[in-house]
Amino acid sequence: MPSLIDLRRRIRAVKSTQQITKAMKMIAASRLKRAQDRVIAARPFAQRMLNVLNGLVANVDPESHPLLRQPADQGRVLLIVITADRGLCGSFNTNVTKAAGQFIVNEGRGREIALGLIGRKGRDFFRRRGFDVRYEATGIFQRLSFAHAAEIADTAIDAFTSGEATSVYLVYNEFKSVIAQRLVVERLLPIPRLAEKVAGGAAAAPPAPAPAAPGAAGLAVDYLYEPSPEQIFRDLLPRHVQVQVYRALLESNAAFFAAQMTAMDAATRNSAEMIENLTLYMNKVRQAAITREIIEVVSGASAT
C-alpha cells in the first residue's frame, strides 16, 4: 500500500499536468478560430477557381497543356503527405500516415512511390522507414502563407512536367468541425476535371450545374479568350495548383488545432477524474492508518 506522501506527490503531479492540458486547450481554441476563418475564406475562392477552370477546359484538348495530360498507367507517383509539426492531437497524425501507407500498398504494385513530406511528424515517420523522399518541409505552420504553398506546388509541377512523376496526390485531414475531421486522398496532377473529383469522392467539390435551356437562368458560361487560351492556361493552371495546395494546408492546420483542442479537453477531464479517485483512495489510506493507530493505542492500554 502506497504511503500518504506518495499519494500526495502523485496528486500534485496530476494537478500540474491538468493545468498544462487546460492551458494547451485554451491556446488551441484561440488559434483554431483564426485558422477556421482562413479556411472559410479560402474555400469559395478555390471552388470558384475550379469551376472557372472546368469551364475553360471543357472543350479543350487535354494535350494542350502539360498539367492537363492524363496519367499513364505506369510510372512514378509523387505523394504529398501533410501532417503536423507537433503531437498531443489524438490520432490526427496517425490517421494521415496510415492513409499514406495504405495508398503506397495499393498503388505501389509495379509503380514507384516518391514522397513529399509536409510536417515534422510525417517526415520522422517515413524517414525512419527508408522511403524515397523527394521533398520535405517542416515548421511552415507557425507562419503559414501562400508562399509556402507556392513552393510546394512548384516542386510538384516541376516533377510532373519533367517526367519524374506521372501523377501527384495529396493526403491530408480536411476540417469539418471541432470534433470531426475528414481524411482526404485526392489527385493534384494532372488537374482533374470537376466530374472526376466528384466521382472519386475527393475533397468537397459540388458538381457543376447542368447547362440550362437557352434563355433560362443559370446558362453555362461561354468564355472569350484574351489574349489566347495558351497564355491563359500558362498563367492560370499553375496558380490553380498553388491555390489547391494552399487550401489543403489551411484545412490541415485548422483540423490540427481542432484535434488538439479535443484531445486536451479529454485529457483535462481525465485528469480531474484521476484526481478525484486518488483523493478518495488517499482518504481511505489515511483513515486506515488512523484506525490502525487507535487499535494499537487501545491494545496497549488493555495490555497494561
C-alpha atoms as a PDB file:
ATOM      1  CA  MET A   1       0.000   0.000   0.000  1.00  0.00           C
ATOM      2  CA  PRO A   2       1.490   3.393  -1.005  1.00  0.00           C
ATOM      3  CA  SER A   3       2.209   5.920   1.678  1.00  0.00           C
ATOM      4  CA  LEU A   4       0.311   9.175   2.106  1.00  0.00           C
ATOM      5  CA  ILE A   5       3.363  11.113   0.991  1.00  0.00           C
ATOM      6  CA  ASP A   6       3.488   9.174  -2.303  1.00  0.00           C
ATOM      7  CA  LEU A   7      -0.222   9.727  -2.911  1.00  0.00           C
ATOM      8  CA  ARG A   8       0.017  13.461  -2.210  1.00  0.00           C
ATOM      9  CA  ARG A   9       3.002  13.722  -4.533  1.00  0.00           C
ATOM     10  CA  ARG A  10       1.103  11.909  -7.274  1.00  0.00           C
ATOM     11  CA  ILE A  11      -1.950  14.141  -6.853  1.00  0.00           C
ATOM     12  CA  ARG A  12       0.245  17.248  -7.143  1.00  0.00           C
ATOM     13  CA  ALA A  13       1.792  15.849 -10.322  1.00  0.00           C
ATOM     14  CA  VAL A  14      -1.613  15.160 -11.868  1.00  0.00           C
ATOM     15  CA  LYS A  15      -2.802  18.655 -10.943  1.00  0.00           C
ATOM     16  CA  SER A  16       0.255  20.162 -12.612  1.00  0.00           C
ATOM     17  CA  THR A  17      -0.454  18.115 -15.744  1.00  0.00           C
ATOM     18  CA  GLN A  18      -4.072  19.241 -15.639  1.00  0.00           C
ATOM     19  CA  GLN A  19      -3.015  22.880 -15.623  1.00  0.00           C
ATOM     20  CA  ILE A  20      -0.824  22.243 -18.672  1.00  0.00           C
ATOM     21  CA  THR A  21      -3.557  20.472 -20.637  1.00  0.00           C
ATOM     22  CA  LYS A  22      -6.075  23.179 -19.737  1.00  0.00           C
ATOM     23  CA  ALA A  23      -3.697  25.883 -20.957  1.00  0.00           C
ATOM     24  CA  MET A  24      -2.982  23.969 -24.183  1.00  0.00           C
ATOM     25  CA  LYS A  25      -6.705  23.582 -24.776  1.00  0.00           C
ATOM     26  CA  MET A  26      -7.232  27.347 -24.450  1.00  0.00           C
ATOM     27  CA  ILE A  27      -4.305  28.102 -26.766  1.00  0.00           C
ATOM     28  CA  ALA A  28      -5.568  25.620 -29.370  1.00  0.00           C
ATOM     29  CA  ALA A  29      -9.075  27.114 -29.149  1.00  0.00           C
ATOM     30  CA  SER A  30      -7.781  30.631 -29.776  1.00  0.00           C
ATOM     31  CA  ARG A  31      -5.650  29.529 -32.732  1.00  0.00           C
ATOM     32  CA  LEU A  32      -8.469  27.380 -34.121  1.00  0.00           C
ATOM     33  CA  LYS A  33     -10.690  30.440 -34.550  1.00  0.00           C
ATOM     34  CA  ARG A  34      -8.118  32.186 -36.729  1.00  0.00           C
ATOM     35  CA  ALA A  35      -7.335  29.025 -38.699  1.00  0.00           C
ATOM     36  CA  GLN A  36     -11.043  28.327 -39.205  1.00  0.00           C
ATOM     37  CA  ASP A  37     -11.617  31.848 -40.524  1.00  0.00           C
ATOM     38  CA  ARG A  38      -8.801  31.405 -43.035  1.00  0.00           C
ATOM     39  CA  VAL A  39     -10.225  28.090 -44.237  1.00  0.00           C
ATOM     40  CA  ILE A  40     -13.713  29.512 -44.662  1.00  0.00           C
ATOM     41  CA  ALA A  41     -12.274  32.453 -46.595  1.00  0.00           C
ATOM     42  CA  ALA A  42     -10.160  30.226 -48.877  1.00  0.00           C
ATOM     43  CA  ARG A  43     -12.793  27.632 -49.779  1.00  0.00           C
ATOM     44  CA  PRO A  44     -15.019  29.818 -52.016  1.00  0.00           C
ATOM     45  CA  PHE A  45     -12.030  31.111 -53.987  1.00  0.00           C
ATOM     46  CA  ALA A  46     -10.612  27.615 -54.528  1.00  0.00           C
ATOM     47  CA  GLN A  47     -14.032  26.273 -55.520  1.00  0.00           C
ATOM     48  CA  ARG A  48     -14.748  29.149 -57.874  1.00  0.00           C
ATOM     49  CA  MET A  49     -11.347  28.775 -59.475  1.00  0.00           C
ATOM     50  CA  LEU A  50     -12.050  25.084 -60.048  1.00  0.00           C
ATOM     51  CA  ASN A  51     -15.409  25.914 -61.642  1.00  0.00           C
ATOM     52  CA  VAL A  52     -13.863  28.521 -63.939  1.00  0.00           C
ATOM     53  CA  LEU A  53     -11.066  26.156 -64.849  1.00  0.00           C
ATOM     54  CA  ASN A  54     -13.510  23.414 -65.768  1.00  0.00           C
ATOM     55  CA  GLY A  55     -15.451  25.861 -67.896  1.00  0.00           C
ATOM     56  CA  LEU A  56     -12.260  26.777 -69.737  1.00  0.00           C
ATOM     57  CA  VAL A  57     -11.018  23.256 -70.401  1.00  0.00           C
ATOM     58  CA  ALA A  58     -14.396  21.624 -71.067  1.00  0.00           C
ATOM     59  CA  ASN A  59     -13.860  21.771 -74.844  1.00  0.00           C
ATOM     60  CA  VAL A  60     -10.078  21.842 -74.877  1.00  0.00           C
ATOM     61  CA  ASP A  61      -7.780  19.019 -75.851  1.00  0.00           C
ATOM     62  CA  PRO A  62      -6.098  17.627 -72.666  1.00  0.00           C
ATOM     63  CA  GLU A  63      -2.807  17.638 -74.566  1.00  0.00           C
ATOM     64  CA  SER A  64      -2.968  21.419 -74.929  1.00  0.00           C
ATOM     65  CA  HIS A  65      -1.146  21.916 -71.624  1.00  0.00           C
ATOM     66  CA  PRO A  66       1.220  19.593 -69.692  1.00  0.00           C
ATOM     67  CA  LEU A  67      -0.783  19.917 -66.463  1.00  0.00           C
ATOM     68  CA  LEU A  68      -3.913  18.582 -68.166  1.00  0.00           C
ATOM     69  CA  ARG A  69      -2.425  15.436 -69.681  1.00  0.00           C
ATOM     70  CA  GLN A  70      -3.918  12.265 -68.291  1.00  0.00           C
ATOM     71  CA  PRO A  71      -1.558   9.992 -66.324  1.00  0.00           C
ATOM     72  CA  ALA A  72      -0.068   6.836 -67.715  1.00  0.00           C
ATOM     73  CA  ASP A  73      -0.940   3.511 -66.157  1.00  0.00           C
ATOM     74  CA  GLN A  74       2.631   3.029 -65.012  1.00  0.00           C
ATOM     75  CA  GLY A  75       5.206   5.443 -63.720  1.00  0.00           C
ATOM     76  CA  ARG A  76       6.305   7.124 -60.532  1.00  0.00           C
ATOM     77  CA  VAL A  77       3.709   8.690 -58.264  1.00  0.00           C
ATOM     78  CA  LEU A  78       4.509  11.673 -56.053  1.00  0.00           C
ATOM     79  CA  LEU A  79       2.507  11.515 -52.831  1.00  0.00           C
ATOM     80  CA  ILE A  80       2.426  14.723 -50.766  1.00  0.00           C
ATOM     81  CA  VAL A  81       1.664  13.853 -47.132  1.00  0.00           C
ATOM     82  CA  ILE A  82       0.540  16.742 -44.912  1.00  0.00           C
ATOM     83  CA  THR A  83       0.885  16.159 -41.163  1.00  0.00           C
ATOM     84  CA  ALA A  84       1.513  18.439 -38.192  1.00  0.00           C
ATOM     85  CA  ASP A  85       4.796  19.539 -36.666  1.00  0.00           C
ATOM     86  CA  ARG A  86       3.625  18.616 -33.157  1.00  0.00           C
ATOM     87  CA  GLY A  87       1.714  15.897 -31.378  1.00  0.00           C
ATOM     88  CA  LEU A  88      -0.736  15.871 -28.465  1.00  0.00           C
ATOM     89  CA  CYS A  89      -3.574  15.857 -31.008  1.00  0.00           C
ATOM     90  CA  GLY A  90      -5.044  12.389 -30.686  1.00  0.00           C
ATOM     91  CA  SER A  91      -4.951  10.273 -33.846  1.00  0.00           C
ATOM     92  CA  PHE A  92      -4.558  13.262 -36.185  1.00  0.00           C
ATOM     93  CA  ASN A  93      -1.080  12.375 -37.469  1.00  0.00           C
ATOM     94  CA  THR A  94      -1.558   8.624 -37.183  1.00  0.00           C
ATOM     95  CA  ASN A  95      -4.588   8.666 -39.480  1.00  0.00           C
ATOM     96  CA  VAL A  96      -2.677  10.542 -42.178  1.00  0.00           C
ATOM     97  CA  THR A  97       0.352   8.246 -42.048  1.00  0.00           C
ATOM     98  CA  LYS A  98      -1.909   5.179 -42.128  1.00  0.00           C
ATOM     99  CA  ALA A  99      -3.764   6.508 -45.166  1.00  0.00           C
ATOM    100  CA  ALA A 100      -0.460   7.273 -46.885  1.00  0.00           C
ATOM    101  CA  GLY A 101       0.797   3.771 -46.079  1.00  0.00           C
ATOM    102  CA  GLN A 102      -2.391   2.250 -47.470  1.00  0.00           C
ATOM    103  CA  PHE A 103      -2.009   4.310 -50.631  1.00  0.00           C
ATOM    104  CA  ILE A 104       1.580   3.115 -51.024  1.00  0.00           C
ATOM    105  CA  VAL A 105       0.481  -0.507 -50.610  1.00  0.00           C
ATOM    106  CA  ASN A 106      -2.376  -0.179 -53.113  1.00  0.00           C
ATOM    107  CA  GLU A 107      -0.651   1.979 -55.723  1.00  0.00           C
ATOM    108  CA  GLY A 108       2.888   0.733 -55.237  1.00  0.00           C
ATOM    109  CA  ARG A 109       2.356  -2.579 -57.019  1.00  0.00           C
ATOM    110  CA  GLY A 110       4.590  -2.229 -60.049  1.00  0.00           C
ATOM    111  CA  ARG A 111       4.934   1.532 -59.553  1.00  0.00           C
ATOM    112  CA  GLU A 112       7.439   3.655 -57.691  1.00  0.00           C
ATOM    113  CA  ILE A 113       6.155   5.971 -54.988  1.00  0.00           C
ATOM    114  CA  ALA A 114       8.065   9.133 -54.091  1.00  0.00           C
ATOM    115  CA  LEU A 115       7.042  11.210 -51.100  1.00  0.00           C
ATOM    116  CA  GLY A 116       6.762  14.904 -50.406  1.00  0.00           C
ATOM    117  CA  LEU A 117       6.516  15.295 -46.639  1.00  0.00           C
ATOM    118  CA  ILE A 118       4.968  18.377 -45.048  1.00  0.00           C
ATOM    119  CA  GLY A 119       5.170  18.450 -41.262  1.00  0.00           C
ATOM    120  CA  ARG A 120       7.689  17.065 -38.793  1.00  0.00           C
ATOM    121  CA  LYS A 121       5.595  14.073 -37.671  1.00  0.00           C
ATOM    122  CA  GLY A 122       5.173  12.683 -41.165  1.00  0.00           C
ATOM    123  CA  ARG A 123       8.800  13.366 -42.029  1.00  0.00           C
ATOM    124  CA  ASP A 124      10.081  11.495 -38.982  1.00  0.00           C
ATOM    125  CA  PHE A 125       7.710   8.581 -39.572  1.00  0.00           C
ATOM    126  CA  PHE A 126       8.621   7.936 -43.209  1.00  0.00           C
ATOM    127  CA  ARG A 127      12.297   8.872 -42.993  1.00  0.00           C
ATOM    128  CA  ARG A 128      12.901   6.169 -40.374  1.00  0.00           C
ATOM    129  CA  ARG A 129      11.385   3.601 -42.743  1.00  0.00           C
ATOM    130  CA  GLY A 130      13.622   4.357 -45.701  1.00  0.00           C
ATOM    131  CA  PHE A 131      11.089   5.719 -48.197  1.00  0.00           C
ATOM    132  CA  ASP A 132      12.087   7.734 -51.252  1.00  0.00           C
ATOM    133  CA  VAL A 133      11.623  11.316 -50.032  1.00  0.00           C
ATOM    134  CA  ARG A 134      11.826  13.900 -52.792  1.00  0.00           C
ATOM    135  CA  TYR A 135      10.765  16.956 -50.821  1.00  0.00           C
ATOM    136  CA  GLU A 136      10.174  17.865 -47.192  1.00  0.00           C
ATOM    137  CA  ALA A 137       9.124  20.980 -45.304  1.00  0.00           C
ATOM    138  CA  THR A 138       8.793  21.491 -41.556  1.00  0.00           C
ATOM    139  CA  GLY A 139       7.887  24.448 -39.376  1.00  0.00           C
ATOM    140  CA  ILE A 140       5.739  26.161 -42.022  1.00  0.00           C
ATOM    141  CA  PHE A 141       2.528  26.050 -39.965  1.00  0.00           C
ATOM    142  CA  GLN A 142       3.840  28.559 -37.430  1.00  0.00           C
ATOM    143  CA  ARG A 143       3.547  31.329 -40.041  1.00  0.00           C
ATOM    144  CA  LEU A 144       1.668  29.669 -42.860  1.00  0.00           C
ATOM    145  CA  SER A 145       1.483  31.795 -46.006  1.00  0.00           C
ATOM    146  CA  PHE A 146       0.693  31.395 -49.691  1.00  0.00           C
ATOM    147  CA  ALA A 147       4.428  31.431 -50.441  1.00  0.00           C
ATOM    148  CA  HIS A 148       4.803  28.067 -48.688  1.00  0.00           C
ATOM    149  CA  ALA A 149       2.022  26.588 -50.800  1.00  0.00           C
ATOM    150  CA  ALA A 150       3.525  28.058 -53.974  1.00  0.00           C
ATOM    151  CA  GLU A 151       6.891  26.456 -53.200  1.00  0.00           C
ATOM    152  CA  ILE A 152       5.313  23.037 -52.605  1.00  0.00           C
ATOM    153  CA  ALA A 153       3.120  23.340 -55.710  1.00  0.00           C
ATOM    154  CA  ASP A 154       6.036  24.430 -57.907  1.00  0.00           C
ATOM    155  CA  THR A 155       8.031  21.414 -56.751  1.00  0.00           C
ATOM    156  CA  ALA A 156       5.140  19.122 -57.689  1.00  0.00           C
ATOM    157  CA  ILE A 157       4.695  20.864 -61.058  1.00  0.00           C
ATOM    158  CA  ASP A 158       8.410  20.526 -61.856  1.00  0.00           C
ATOM    159  CA  ALA A 159       8.324  16.817 -61.014  1.00  0.00           C
ATOM    160  CA  PHE A 160       5.229  16.288 -63.157  1.00  0.00           C
ATOM    161  CA  THR A 161       6.297  18.309 -66.207  1.00  0.00           C
ATOM    162  CA  SER A 162       9.823  16.867 -66.202  1.00  0.00           C
ATOM    163  CA  GLY A 163       8.506  13.304 -66.237  1.00  0.00           C
ATOM    164  CA  GLU A 164       9.842  12.383 -62.790  1.00  0.00           C
ATOM    165  CA  ALA A 165       6.251  11.728 -61.719  1.00  0.00           C
ATOM    166  CA  THR A 166       3.267  10.759 -63.840  1.00  0.00           C
ATOM    167  CA  SER A 167       0.777  11.881 -61.184  1.00  0.00           C
ATOM    168  CA  VAL A 168       0.735  13.800 -57.892  1.00  0.00           C
ATOM    169  CA  TYR A 169      -1.589  13.091 -54.970  1.00  0.00           C
ATOM    170  CA  LEU A 170      -2.349  14.873 -51.690  1.00  0.00           C
ATOM    171  CA  VAL A 171      -3.100  13.220 -48.333  1.00  0.00           C
ATOM    172  CA  TYR A 172      -4.360  15.456 -45.537  1.00  0.00           C
ATOM    173  CA  ASN A 173      -7.050  15.990 -42.922  1.00  0.00           C
ATOM    174  CA  GLU A 174      -9.909  18.216 -44.015  1.00  0.00           C
ATOM    175  CA  PHE A 175     -11.508  20.385 -41.354  1.00  0.00           C
ATOM    176  CA  LYS A 176     -15.207  19.597 -40.911  1.00  0.00           C
ATOM    177  CA  SER A 177     -15.946  20.719 -37.355  1.00  0.00           C
ATOM    178  CA  VAL A 178     -14.287  20.969 -33.962  1.00  0.00           C
ATOM    179  CA  ILE A 179     -14.928  17.292 -33.245  1.00  0.00           C
ATOM    180  CA  ALA A 180     -14.675  15.892 -36.776  1.00  0.00           C
ATOM    181  CA  GLN A 181     -12.005  15.827 -39.452  1.00  0.00           C
ATOM    182  CA  ARG A 182     -12.226  14.017 -42.775  1.00  0.00           C
ATOM    183  CA  LEU A 183      -9.264  12.183 -44.240  1.00  0.00           C
ATOM    184  CA  VAL A 184      -8.792  13.147 -47.898  1.00  0.00           C
ATOM    185  CA  VAL A 185      -6.730  11.487 -50.618  1.00  0.00           C
ATOM    186  CA  GLU A 186      -7.072  13.453 -53.841  1.00  0.00           C
ATOM    187  CA  ARG A 187      -5.233  13.838 -57.114  1.00  0.00           C
ATOM    188  CA  LEU A 188      -3.481  17.130 -57.632  1.00  0.00           C
ATOM    189  CA  LEU A 189      -1.831  16.499 -61.012  1.00  0.00           C
ATOM    190  CA  PRO A 190      -2.779  16.087 -63.740  1.00  0.00           C
ATOM    191  CA  ILE A 191      -5.512  18.576 -62.897  1.00  0.00           C
ATOM    192  CA  PRO A 192      -8.749  16.599 -62.529  1.00  0.00           C
ATOM    193  CA  ARG A 193     -11.972  17.733 -64.101  1.00  0.00           C
ATOM    194  CA  LEU A 194     -14.786  18.599 -61.721  1.00  0.00           C
ATOM    195  CA  ALA A 195     -16.703  15.417 -62.611  1.00  0.00           C
ATOM    196  CA  GLU A 196     -13.624  13.342 -61.729  1.00  0.00           C
ATOM    197  CA  LYS A 197     -13.340  14.937 -58.270  1.00  0.00           C
ATOM    198  CA  VAL A 198     -16.990  14.220 -57.503  1.00  0.00           C
ATOM    199  CA  ALA A 199     -16.824  10.660 -58.811  1.00  0.00           C
ATOM    200  CA  GLY A 200     -13.596   9.992 -56.920  1.00  0.00           C
ATOM    201  CA  GLY A 201     -15.010  11.226 -53.615  1.00  0.00           C
ATOM    202  CA  ALA A 202     -12.228  13.714 -53.128  1.00  0.00           C
ATOM    203  CA  ALA A 203     -12.418  16.893 -51.103  1.00  0.00           C
ATOM    204  CA  ALA A 204     -15.751  18.618 -51.179  1.00  0.00           C
ATOM    205  CA  ALA A 205     -16.431  19.898 -54.670  1.00  0.00           C
ATOM    206  CA  PRO A 206     -20.096  20.085 -55.609  1.00  0.00           C
ATOM    207  CA  PRO A 207     -20.937  19.052 -59.156  1.00  0.00           C
ATOM    208  CA  ALA A 208     -21.125  21.773 -61.744  1.00  0.00           C
ATOM    209  CA  PRO A 209     -24.634  22.864 -62.613  1.00  0.00           C
ATOM    210  CA  ALA A 210     -26.003  21.331 -65.775  1.00  0.00           C
ATOM    211  CA  PRO A 211     -26.328  23.717 -68.728  1.00  0.00           C
ATOM    212  CA  ALA A 212     -29.791  25.198 -68.792  1.00  0.00           C
ATOM    213  CA  ALA A 213     -32.017  25.623 -71.781  1.00  0.00           C
ATOM    214  CA  PRO A 214     -31.452  28.726 -73.905  1.00  0.00           C
ATOM    215  CA  GLY A 215     -32.879  31.790 -72.227  1.00  0.00           C
ATOM    216  CA  ALA A 216     -33.165  30.127 -68.818  1.00  0.00           C
ATOM    217  CA  ALA A 217     -31.358  31.228 -65.699  1.00  0.00           C
ATOM    218  CA  GLY A 218     -28.030  29.550 -64.971  1.00  0.00           C
ATOM    219  CA  LEU A 219     -26.935  29.293 -68.608  1.00  0.00           C
ATOM    220  CA  ALA A 220     -23.471  27.783 -68.976  1.00  0.00           C
ATOM    221  CA  VAL A 221     -20.751  30.414 -69.381  1.00  0.00           C
ATOM    222  CA  ASP A 222     -19.025  30.657 -72.727  1.00  0.00           C
ATOM    223  CA  TYR A 223     -15.650  32.347 -72.205  1.00  0.00           C
ATOM    224  CA  LEU A 224     -13.900  34.659 -74.629  1.00  0.00           C
ATOM    225  CA  TYR A 225     -10.131  34.204 -74.557  1.00  0.00           C
ATOM    226  CA  GLU A 226      -7.887  37.219 -74.367  1.00  0.00           C
ATOM    227  CA  PRO A 227      -5.012  37.169 -75.228  1.00  0.00           C
ATOM    228  CA  SER A 228      -5.068  33.439 -76.090  1.00  0.00           C
ATOM    229  CA  PRO A 229      -6.022  30.100 -74.473  1.00  0.00           C
ATOM    230  CA  GLU A 230      -2.384  29.038 -74.330  1.00  0.00           C
ATOM    231  CA  GLN A 231      -1.347  32.173 -72.467  1.00  0.00           C
ATOM    232  CA  ILE A 232      -4.301  31.899 -70.076  1.00  0.00           C
ATOM    233  CA  PHE A 233      -3.573  28.252 -69.310  1.00  0.00           C
ATOM    234  CA  ARG A 234       0.111  29.011 -68.792  1.00  0.00           C
ATOM    235  CA  ASP A 235      -0.791  31.545 -66.092  1.00  0.00           C
ATOM    236  CA  LEU A 236      -3.973  30.045 -64.650  1.00  0.00           C
ATOM    237  CA  LEU A 237      -3.166  26.338 -64.284  1.00  0.00           C
ATOM    238  CA  PRO A 238      -0.031  26.715 -62.114  1.00  0.00           C
ATOM    239  CA  ARG A 239      -1.891  29.227 -59.956  1.00  0.00           C
ATOM    240  CA  HIS A 240      -4.767  26.768 -59.621  1.00  0.00           C
ATOM    241  CA  VAL A 241      -2.365  24.085 -58.329  1.00  0.00           C
ATOM    242  CA  GLN A 242      -0.904  26.566 -55.837  1.00  0.00           C
ATOM    243  CA  VAL A 243      -4.361  27.535 -54.604  1.00  0.00           C
ATOM    244  CA  GLN A 244      -5.391  23.908 -54.096  1.00  0.00           C
ATOM    245  CA  VAL A 245      -2.201  23.177 -52.132  1.00  0.00           C
ATOM    246  CA  TYR A 246      -2.766  26.305 -50.042  1.00  0.00           C
ATOM    247  CA  ARG A 247      -6.335  25.222 -49.292  1.00  0.00           C
ATOM    248  CA  ALA A 248      -5.103  21.763 -48.237  1.00  0.00           C
ATOM    249  CA  LEU A 249      -2.531  23.325 -45.903  1.00  0.00           C
ATOM    250  CA  LEU A 250      -5.163  25.584 -44.342  1.00  0.00           C
ATOM    251  CA  GLU A 251      -7.558  22.654 -43.929  1.00  0.00           C
ATOM    252  CA  SER A 252      -4.867  20.559 -42.255  1.00  0.00           C
ATOM    253  CA  ASN A 253      -3.818  23.407 -39.964  1.00  0.00           C
ATOM    254  CA  ALA A 254      -7.386  24.059 -38.785  1.00  0.00           C
ATOM    255  CA  ALA A 255      -8.021  20.335 -38.360  1.00  0.00           C
ATOM    256  CA  PHE A 256      -4.873  20.042 -36.226  1.00  0.00           C
ATOM    257  CA  PHE A 257      -5.965  22.746 -33.786  1.00  0.00           C
ATOM    258  CA  ALA A 258      -9.424  21.191 -33.579  1.00  0.00           C
ATOM    259  CA  ALA A 259      -7.919  17.765 -32.864  1.00  0.00           C
ATOM    260  CA  GLN A 260      -5.522  19.208 -30.302  1.00  0.00           C
ATOM    261  CA  MET A 261      -8.285  21.126 -28.530  1.00  0.00           C
ATOM    262  CA  THR A 262     -10.428  17.987 -28.376  1.00  0.00           C
ATOM    263  CA  ALA A 263      -7.522  15.870 -27.112  1.00  0.00           C
ATOM    264  CA  MET A 264      -6.537  18.391 -24.441  1.00  0.00           C
ATOM    265  CA  ASP A 265     -10.160  18.732 -23.316  1.00  0.00           C
ATOM    266  CA  ALA A 266     -10.368  14.965 -22.888  1.00  0.00           C
ATOM    267  CA  ALA A 267      -7.035  14.939 -21.038  1.00  0.00           C
ATOM    268  CA  THR A 268      -8.235  17.696 -18.679  1.00  0.00           C
ATOM    269  CA  ARG A 269     -11.426  15.797 -17.874  1.00  0.00           C
ATOM    270  CA  ASN A 270      -9.498  12.547 -17.372  1.00  0.00           C
ATOM    271  CA  SER A 271      -7.051  14.237 -15.017  1.00  0.00           C
ATOM    272  CA  ALA A 272      -9.938  15.626 -12.960  1.00  0.00           C
ATOM    273  CA  GLU A 273     -11.360  12.125 -12.661  1.00  0.00           C
ATOM    274  CA  MET A 274      -7.942  10.751 -11.714  1.00  0.00           C
ATOM    275  CA  ILE A 275      -7.502  13.426  -9.024  1.00  0.00           C
ATOM    276  CA  GLU A 276     -10.893  12.552  -7.584  1.00  0.00           C
ATOM    277  CA  ASN A 277     -10.072   8.834  -7.470  1.00  0.00           C
ATOM    278  CA  LEU A 278      -6.630   9.439  -5.973  1.00  0.00           C
ATOM    279  CA  THR A 279      -8.071  11.767  -3.332  1.00  0.00           C
ATOM    280  CA  LEU A 280     -10.680   9.192  -2.372  1.00  0.00           C
ATOM    281  CA  TYR A 281      -8.031   6.485  -2.184  1.00  0.00           C
ATOM    282  CA  MET A 282      -5.737   8.739  -0.128  1.00  0.00           C
ATOM    283  CA  ASN A 283      -8.546   9.416   2.342  1.00  0.00           C
ATOM    284  CA  LYS A 284      -9.150   5.695   2.696  1.00  0.00           C
ATOM    285  CA  VAL A 285      -5.457   5.060   3.329  1.00  0.00           C
ATOM    286  CA  ARG A 286      -5.313   7.877   5.891  1.00  0.00           C
ATOM    287  CA  GLN A 287      -8.429   6.595   7.647  1.00  0.00           C
ATOM    288  CA  ALA A 288      -6.995   3.083   7.725  1.00  0.00           C
ATOM    289  CA  ALA A 289      -3.762   4.428   9.229  1.00  0.00           C
ATOM    290  CA  ILE A 290      -5.677   6.355  11.900  1.00  0.00           C
ATOM    291  CA  THR A 291      -7.794   3.298  12.707  1.00  0.00           C
ATOM    292  CA  ARG A 292      -4.684   1.160  12.995  1.00  0.00           C
ATOM    293  CA  GLU A 293      -3.038   3.639  15.367  1.00  0.00           C
ATOM    294  CA  ILE A 294      -6.187   3.769  17.536  1.00  0.00           C
ATOM    295  CA  ILE A 295      -6.258  -0.036  17.703  1.00  0.00           C
ATOM    296  CA  GLU A 296      -2.583  -0.058  18.712  1.00  0.00           C
ATOM    297  CA  VAL A 297      -3.258   2.508  21.459  1.00  0.00           C
ATOM    298  CA  VAL A 298      -6.281   0.591  22.770  1.00  0.00           C
ATOM    299  CA  SER A 299      -4.410  -2.711  22.625  1.00  0.00           C
ATOM    300  CA  GLY A 300      -1.506  -1.191  24.547  1.00  0.00           C
ATOM    301  CA  ALA A 301      -3.823   0.239  27.182  1.00  0.00           C
ATOM    302  CA  SER A 302      -5.575  -3.128  27.585  1.00  0.00           C
ATOM    303  CA  ALA A 303      -2.247  -4.895  27.976  1.00  0.00           C
ATOM    304  CA  THR A 304      -1.264  -2.630  30.852  1.00  0.00           C
END
